[in-house]
Amino acid sequence: MKKVLVIIVVAVLVLVLGGISSYNGLVGKQQGVDAAWAQVSNQYQRRADLVPNLVKTVQGSADFEKSTLESVTNARASVGRMTIDANKAPETAEKLEEFQKTQGAFGGALQRLLVVAERYPDLKASAGFRDLQAQLEGTENRIAVERGRFNDVVKEYNTSVRKVPAVFFAGMLGFHPKPYFQAESGAEKAPDVNFDFGGKSGSGK
């Protein structure tokens, strides 16, 4: 009888210690997801912060298409109205989809502005405009990198949530699978910004 009791006590201790270890691991991985999300948010914010100077520079060119500028300004305003926490990863696929759709529309508006700008030689010759173009290109590259890193961290976290023993208590303690960024297509694709400086394409890093 005593042996059975000892076995039961040992088994309970193993489960408790295993549960504590799993819980601590999930806490660390959840913080990793939030940290990766913050980096994604930082890069999107950096892109938004470049727009006022870009619009100001473009407005200096005579007869620049007003509708294109309004499209960029309105899209940036929509980004600013989003209520997603910049330091905490979205909990639902719907929230992340809303974020992705709004940012995609903003990126599309920026792409159209840059395409239209190609028709204005004075803009293409402006050092200030070329610098903003290069910064935008670099930002788009960094956005893509940080999104990829975010998905990698989320995959690791989601795998941990579904593993034994975490799967038995994760949901009760608030650890739920996180949504990924989905592959984009069409209008929701972040702009692939290629610049033509005297016939040569720039490549930001």
C-alpha atoms as a PDB file:
ATOM      1  CA  MET A   1       0.000   0.000   0.000  1.00  0.00           C
ATOM      2  CA  LYS A   2       2.825   2.354   0.879  1.00  0.00           C
ATOM      3  CA  LYS A   3       4.538   1.580  -2.444  1.00  0.00           C
ATOM      4  CA  VAL A   4       1.381   2.475  -4.343  1.00  0.00           C
ATOM      5  CA  LEU A   5       1.091   5.712  -2.373  1.00  0.00           C
ATOM      6  CA  VAL A   6       4.722   6.593  -3.097  1.00  0.00           C
ATOM      7  CA  ILE A   7       4.231   5.886  -6.801  1.00  0.00           C
ATOM      8  CA  ILE A   8       1.137   8.107  -6.861  1.00  0.00           C
ATOM      9  CA  VAL A   9       2.941  10.938  -5.044  1.00  0.00           C
ATOM     10  CA  VAL A  10       5.922  10.688  -7.386  1.00  0.00           C
ATOM     11  CA  ALA A  11       3.644  10.681 -10.438  1.00  0.00           C
ATOM     12  CA  VAL A  12       1.796  13.757  -9.168  1.00  0.00           C
ATOM     13  CA  LEU A  13       5.079  15.551  -8.505  1.00  0.00           C
ATOM     14  CA  VAL A  14       6.337  14.732 -11.983  1.00  0.00           C
ATOM     15  CA  LEU A  15       3.115  16.070 -13.527  1.00  0.00           C
ATOM     16  CA  VAL A  16       3.243  19.227 -11.410  1.00  0.00           C
ATOM     17  CA  LEU A  17       6.901  19.898 -12.186  1.00  0.00           C
ATOM     18  CA  GLY A  18       6.305  19.144 -15.860  1.00  0.00           C
ATOM     19  CA  GLY A  19       3.327  21.499 -15.868  1.00  0.00           C
ATOM     20  CA  ILE A  20       5.331  24.288 -14.232  1.00  0.00           C
ATOM     21  CA  SER A  21       8.148  23.834 -16.724  1.00  0.00           C
ATOM     22  CA  SER A  22       5.718  23.867 -19.654  1.00  0.00           C
ATOM     23  CA  TYR A  23       3.945  26.943 -18.308  1.00  0.00           C
ATOM     24  CA  ASN A  24       7.197  28.857 -17.938  1.00  0.00           C
ATOM     25  CA  GLY A  25       8.204  27.833 -21.438  1.00  0.00           C
ATOM     26  CA  LEU A  26       4.901  29.065 -22.862  1.00  0.00           C
ATOM     27  CA  VAL A  27       5.275  32.379 -21.058  1.00  0.00           C
ATOM     28  CA  GLY A  28       8.686  32.867 -22.648  1.00  0.00           C
ATOM     29  CA  LYS A  29       7.444  31.922 -26.111  1.00  0.00           C
ATOM     30  CA  GLN A  30       4.419  34.202 -25.808  1.00  0.00           C
ATOM     31  CA  GLN A  31       6.707  37.081 -24.914  1.00  0.00           C
ATOM     32  CA  GLY A  32       8.803  36.179 -27.946  1.00  0.00           C
ATOM     33  CA  VAL A  33       5.715  36.424 -30.168  1.00  0.00           C
ATOM     34  CA  ASP A  34       4.858  39.847 -28.746  1.00  0.00           C
ATOM     35  CA  ALA A  35       8.449  41.030 -29.234  1.00  0.00           C
ATOM     36  CA  ALA A  36       8.409  39.871 -32.859  1.00  0.00           C
ATOM     37  CA  TRP A  37       5.076  41.637 -33.375  1.00  0.00           C
ATOM     38  CA  ALA A  38       6.522  44.856 -31.965  1.00  0.00           C
ATOM     39  CA  GLN A  39       9.273  44.701 -34.597  1.00  0.00           C
ATOM     40  CA  VAL A  40       6.685  44.225 -37.348  1.00  0.00           C
ATOM     41  CA  SER A  41       4.712  47.195 -36.007  1.00  0.00           C
ATOM     42  CA  ASN A  42       7.847  49.332 -35.831  1.00  0.00           C
ATOM     43  CA  GLN A  43       8.614  48.792 -39.510  1.00  0.00           C
ATOM     44  CA  TYR A  44       5.047  49.528 -40.602  1.00  0.00           C
ATOM     45  CA  GLN A  45       5.130  52.677 -38.466  1.00  0.00           C
ATOM     46  CA  ARG A  46       8.428  53.677 -40.035  1.00  0.00           C
ATOM     47  CA  ARG A  47       6.778  53.448 -43.468  1.00  0.00           C
ATOM     48  CA  ALA A  48       3.849  55.582 -42.309  1.00  0.00           C
ATOM     49  CA  ASP A  49       6.227  58.166 -40.843  1.00  0.00           C
ATOM     50  CA  LEU A  50       7.934  58.607 -44.215  1.00  0.00           C
ATOM     51  CA  VAL A  51       4.711  59.545 -45.971  1.00  0.00           C
ATOM     52  CA  PRO A  52       4.267  63.180 -44.802  1.00  0.00           C
ATOM     53  CA  ASN A  53       7.686  64.100 -46.195  1.00  0.00           C
ATOM     54  CA  LEU A  54       6.985  62.136 -49.357  1.00  0.00           C
ATOM     55  CA  VAL A  55       3.656  63.911 -49.899  1.00  0.00           C
ATOM     56  CA  LYS A  56       5.238  67.295 -49.174  1.00  0.00           C
ATOM     57  CA  THR A  57       7.985  66.621 -51.706  1.00  0.00           C
ATOM     58  CA  VAL A  58       5.553  65.446 -54.372  1.00  0.00           C
ATOM     59  CA  GLN A  59       3.263  68.432 -53.822  1.00  0.00           C
ATOM     60  CA  GLY A  60       6.141  70.660 -54.877  1.00  0.00           C
ATOM     61  CA  SER A  61       5.867  69.283 -58.397  1.00  0.00           C
ATOM     62  CA  ALA A  62       3.474  71.254 -60.573  1.00  0.00           C
ATOM     63  CA  ASP A  63       0.203  69.551 -61.572  1.00  0.00           C
ATOM     64  CA  PHE A  64       0.894  66.326 -59.691  1.00  0.00           C
ATOM     65  CA  GLU A  65      -2.235  64.169 -59.691  1.00  0.00           C
ATOM     66  CA  LYS A  66      -4.335  65.279 -56.732  1.00  0.00           C
ATOM     67  CA  SER A  67      -6.327  62.042 -56.557  1.00  0.00           C
ATOM     68  CA  THR A  68      -3.143  60.009 -56.096  1.00  0.00           C
ATOM     69  CA  LEU A  69      -2.028  62.167 -53.181  1.00  0.00           C
ATOM     70  CA  GLU A  70      -5.477  61.979 -51.595  1.00  0.00           C
ATOM     71  CA  SER A  71      -5.428  58.195 -51.919  1.00  0.00           C
ATOM     72  CA  VAL A  72      -2.138  57.947 -50.037  1.00  0.00           C
ATOM     73  CA  THR A  73      -3.253  60.418 -47.362  1.00  0.00           C
ATOM     74  CA  ASN A  74      -6.565  58.619 -46.804  1.00  0.00           C
ATOM     75  CA  ALA A  75      -4.906  55.208 -46.686  1.00  0.00           C
ATOM     76  CA  ARG A  76      -2.390  56.447 -44.113  1.00  0.00           C
ATOM     77  CA  ALA A  77      -5.253  57.865 -42.037  1.00  0.00           C
ATOM     78  CA  SER A  78      -6.948  54.439 -42.107  1.00  0.00           C
ATOM     79  CA  VAL A  79      -3.750  52.883 -40.771  1.00  0.00           C
ATOM     80  CA  GLY A  80      -3.732  55.422 -37.948  1.00  0.00           C
ATOM     81  CA  ARG A  81      -7.306  54.533 -36.980  1.00  0.00           C
ATOM     82  CA  MET A  82      -6.499  50.879 -36.345  1.00  0.00           C
ATOM     83  CA  THR A  83      -6.804  49.895 -32.683  1.00  0.00           C
ATOM     84  CA  ILE A  84      -4.382  46.961 -32.687  1.00  0.00           C
ATOM     85  CA  ASP A  85      -1.798  47.106 -29.893  1.00  0.00           C
ATOM     86  CA  ALA A  86       1.653  47.672 -31.378  1.00  0.00           C
ATOM     87  CA  ASN A  87       3.282  45.664 -28.574  1.00  0.00           C
ATOM     88  CA  LYS A  88       0.914  42.702 -28.302  1.00  0.00           C
ATOM     89  CA  ALA A  89       0.315  40.251 -31.125  1.00  0.00           C
ATOM     90  CA  PRO A  90      -3.299  39.936 -32.335  1.00  0.00           C
ATOM     91  CA  GLU A  91      -5.180  37.086 -30.663  1.00  0.00           C
ATOM     92  CA  THR A  92      -7.486  36.293 -33.587  1.00  0.00           C
ATOM     93  CA  ALA A  93      -7.090  35.714 -37.299  1.00  0.00           C
ATOM     94  CA  GLU A  94      -9.785  38.351 -37.904  1.00  0.00           C
ATOM     95  CA  LYS A  95      -7.773  41.065 -36.150  1.00  0.00           C
ATOM     96  CA  LEU A  96      -4.608  40.198 -38.034  1.00  0.00           C
ATOM     97  CA  GLU A  97      -6.533  40.060 -41.317  1.00  0.00           C
ATOM     98  CA  GLU A  98      -7.919  43.558 -40.629  1.00  0.00           C
ATOM     99  CA  PHE A  99      -4.396  44.831 -39.958  1.00  0.00           C
ATOM    100  CA  GLN A 100      -3.007  43.137 -43.069  1.00  0.00           C
ATOM    101  CA  LYS A 101      -5.809  44.415 -45.297  1.00  0.00           C
ATOM    102  CA  THR A 102      -5.437  48.018 -44.108  1.00  0.00           C
ATOM    103  CA  GLN A 103      -1.655  47.981 -44.432  1.00  0.00           C
ATOM    104  CA  GLY A 104      -1.993  46.353 -47.851  1.00  0.00           C
ATOM    105  CA  ALA A 105      -4.280  49.140 -49.063  1.00  0.00           C
ATOM    106  CA  PHE A 106      -1.790  51.703 -47.775  1.00  0.00           C
ATOM    107  CA  GLY A 107       1.086  49.957 -49.513  1.00  0.00           C
ATOM    108  CA  GLY A 108      -0.895  49.811 -52.745  1.00  0.00           C
ATOM    109  CA  ALA A 109      -1.605  53.550 -52.592  1.00  0.00           C
ATOM    110  CA  LEU A 110       2.104  54.231 -52.070  1.00  0.00           C
ATOM    111  CA  GLN A 111       2.979  52.060 -55.031  1.00  0.00           C
ATOM    112  CA  ARG A 112       0.580  53.964 -57.267  1.00  0.00           C
ATOM    113  CA  LEU A 113       2.066  57.271 -56.137  1.00  0.00           C
ATOM    114  CA  LEU A 114       5.576  56.129 -56.990  1.00  0.00           C
ATOM    115  CA  VAL A 115       4.474  54.844 -60.391  1.00  0.00           C
ATOM    116  CA  VAL A 116       2.819  58.182 -61.178  1.00  0.00           C
ATOM    117  CA  ALA A 117       5.930  60.016 -59.984  1.00  0.00           C
ATOM    118  CA  GLU A 118       7.903  58.343 -62.777  1.00  0.00           C
ATOM    119  CA  ARG A 119       6.102  60.680 -65.201  1.00  0.00           C
ATOM    120  CA  TYR A 120       7.602  63.764 -63.548  1.00  0.00           C
ATOM    121  CA  PRO A 121      11.247  64.346 -64.520  1.00  0.00           C
ATOM    122  CA  ASP A 122      11.707  67.080 -61.923  1.00  0.00           C
ATOM    123  CA  LEU A 123      10.738  64.670 -59.167  1.00  0.00           C
ATOM    124  CA  LYS A 124      13.019  61.912 -60.452  1.00  0.00           C
ATOM    125  CA  ALA A 125      15.858  64.420 -60.515  1.00  0.00           C
ATOM    126  CA  SER A 126      15.206  65.575 -56.937  1.00  0.00           C
ATOM    127  CA  ALA A 127      17.739  64.279 -54.410  1.00  0.00           C
ATOM    128  CA  GLY A 128      15.137  64.540 -51.654  1.00  0.00           C
ATOM    129  CA  PHE A 129      12.654  62.402 -53.557  1.00  0.00           C
ATOM    130  CA  ARG A 130      15.287  59.817 -54.460  1.00  0.00           C
ATOM    131  CA  ASP A 131      16.264  59.561 -50.798  1.00  0.00           C
ATOM    132  CA  LEU A 132      12.645  58.991 -49.765  1.00  0.00           C
ATOM    133  CA  GLN A 133      12.286  56.341 -52.467  1.00  0.00           C
ATOM    134  CA  ALA A 134      15.343  54.515 -51.180  1.00  0.00           C
ATOM    135  CA  GLN A 135      14.072  54.689 -47.597  1.00  0.00           C
ATOM    136  CA  LEU A 136      10.707  53.278 -48.638  1.00  0.00           C
ATOM    137  CA  GLU A 137      12.358  50.456 -50.536  1.00  0.00           C
ATOM    138  CA  GLY A 138      14.486  49.577 -47.512  1.00  0.00           C
ATOM    139  CA  THR A 139      11.430  49.711 -45.258  1.00  0.00           C
ATOM    140  CA  GLU A 140       9.452  47.352 -47.500  1.00  0.00           C
ATOM    141  CA  ASN A 141      12.342  44.897 -47.349  1.00  0.00           C
ATOM    142  CA  ARG A 142      12.506  45.135 -43.560  1.00  0.00           C
ATOM    143  CA  ILE A 143       8.737  44.662 -43.293  1.00  0.00           C
ATOM    144  CA  ALA A 144       9.014  41.437 -45.281  1.00  0.00           C
ATOM    145  CA  VAL A 145      11.886  40.211 -43.084  1.00  0.00           C
ATOM    146  CA  GLU A 146      10.099  40.991 -39.813  1.00  0.00           C
ATOM    147  CA  ARG A 147       6.872  39.376 -41.001  1.00  0.00           C
ATOM    148  CA  GLY A 148       8.814  36.222 -41.814  1.00  0.00           C
ATOM    149  CA  ARG A 149      10.442  36.241 -38.389  1.00  0.00           C
ATOM    150  CA  PHE A 150       7.065  36.785 -36.736  1.00  0.00           C
ATOM    151  CA  ASN A 151       5.606  33.767 -38.513  1.00  0.00           C
ATOM    152  CA  ASP A 152       8.589  31.642 -37.438  1.00  0.00           C
ATOM    153  CA  VAL A 153       8.158  32.637 -33.778  1.00  0.00           C
ATOM    154  CA  VAL A 154       4.393  32.068 -33.926  1.00  0.00           C
ATOM    155  CA  LYS A 155       4.953  28.613 -35.416  1.00  0.00           C
ATOM    156  CA  GLU A 156       7.256  27.700 -32.522  1.00  0.00           C
ATOM    157  CA  TYR A 157       4.754  29.026 -29.970  1.00  0.00           C
ATOM    158  CA  ASN A 158       1.762  27.264 -31.587  1.00  0.00           C
ATOM    159  CA  THR A 159       3.671  23.989 -31.666  1.00  0.00           C
ATOM    160  CA  SER A 160       4.436  24.304 -27.948  1.00  0.00           C
ATOM    161  CA  VAL A 161       0.785  25.028 -27.116  1.00  0.00           C
ATOM    162  CA  ARG A 162      -0.282  21.805 -28.821  1.00  0.00           C
ATOM    163  CA  LYS A 163       2.368  19.573 -27.234  1.00  0.00           C
ATOM    164  CA  VAL A 164       1.844  17.334 -24.194  1.00  0.00           C
ATOM    165  CA  PRO A 165       1.539  18.266 -21.351  1.00  0.00           C
ATOM    166  CA  ALA A 166       0.841  21.909 -22.302  1.00  0.00           C
ATOM    167  CA  VAL A 167      -2.132  20.937 -24.446  1.00  0.00           C
ATOM    168  CA  PHE A 168      -4.016  19.854 -21.295  1.00  0.00           C
ATOM    169  CA  PHE A 169      -3.877  23.219 -19.538  1.00  0.00           C
ATOM    170  CA  ALA A 170      -2.731  25.887 -22.037  1.00  0.00           C
ATOM    171  CA  GLY A 171      -6.238  26.979 -23.004  1.00  0.00           C
ATOM    172  CA  MET A 172      -7.389  27.264 -19.388  1.00  0.00           C
ATOM    173  CA  LEU A 173      -4.408  29.508 -18.611  1.00  0.00           C
ATOM    174  CA  GLY A 174      -4.940  31.786 -21.607  1.00  0.00           C
ATOM    175  CA  PHE A 175      -2.405  30.301 -24.020  1.00  0.00           C
ATOM    176  CA  HIS A 176      -4.138  29.975 -27.374  1.00  0.00           C
ATOM    177  CA  PRO A 177      -2.689  29.498 -30.880  1.00  0.00           C
ATOM    178  CA  LYS A 178      -1.751  32.766 -32.599  1.00  0.00           C
ATOM    179  CA  PRO A 179      -2.595  33.673 -36.208  1.00  0.00           C
ATOM    180  CA  TYR A 180       0.060  33.923 -38.919  1.00  0.00           C
ATOM    181  CA  PHE A 181       0.546  36.499 -41.628  1.00  0.00           C
ATOM    182  CA  GLN A 182      -0.923  34.985 -44.765  1.00  0.00           C
ATOM    183  CA  ALA A 183       0.697  35.083 -48.179  1.00  0.00           C
ATOM    184  CA  GLU A 184      -0.543  38.130 -50.052  1.00  0.00           C
ATOM    185  CA  SER A 185      -1.706  38.455 -53.598  1.00  0.00           C
ATOM    186  CA  GLY A 186      -3.127  41.154 -55.818  1.00  0.00           C
ATOM    187  CA  ALA A 187      -4.053  44.423 -54.150  1.00  0.00           C
ATOM    188  CA  GLU A 188      -3.148  43.149 -50.702  1.00  0.00           C
ATOM    189  CA  LYS A 189       0.483  42.561 -51.655  1.00  0.00           C
ATOM    190  CA  ALA A 190       2.958  44.974 -50.118  1.00  0.00           C
ATOM    191  CA  PRO A 191       4.447  47.052 -52.923  1.00  0.00           C
ATOM    192  CA  ASP A 192       7.560  45.744 -54.621  1.00  0.00           C
ATOM    193  CA  VAL A 193       9.293  49.084 -54.926  1.00  0.00           C
ATOM    194  CA  ASN A 194      11.770  49.153 -57.795  1.00  0.00           C
ATOM    195  CA  PHE A 195      13.341  52.487 -58.563  1.00  0.00           C
ATOM    196  CA  ASP A 196      14.802  53.731 -61.805  1.00  0.00           C
ATOM    197  CA  PHE A 197      17.647  56.161 -61.276  1.00  0.00           C
ATOM    198  CA  GLY A 198      18.856  56.991 -64.740  1.00  0.00           C
ATOM    199  CA  GLY A 199      17.905  53.566 -66.034  1.00  0.00           C
ATOM    200  CA  LYS A 200      19.357  51.601 -63.081  1.00  0.00           C
ATOM    201  CA  SER A 201      17.247  49.857 -60.486  1.00  0.00           C
ATOM    202  CA  GLY A 202      17.991  50.521 -56.837  1.00  0.00           C
ATOM    203  CA  SER A 203      18.071  47.767 -54.224  1.00  0.00           C
ATOM    204  CA  GLY A 204      17.543  48.701 -50.595  1.00  0.00           C
ATOM    205  CA  LYS A 205      18.874  46.736 -47.684  1.00  0.00           C
END
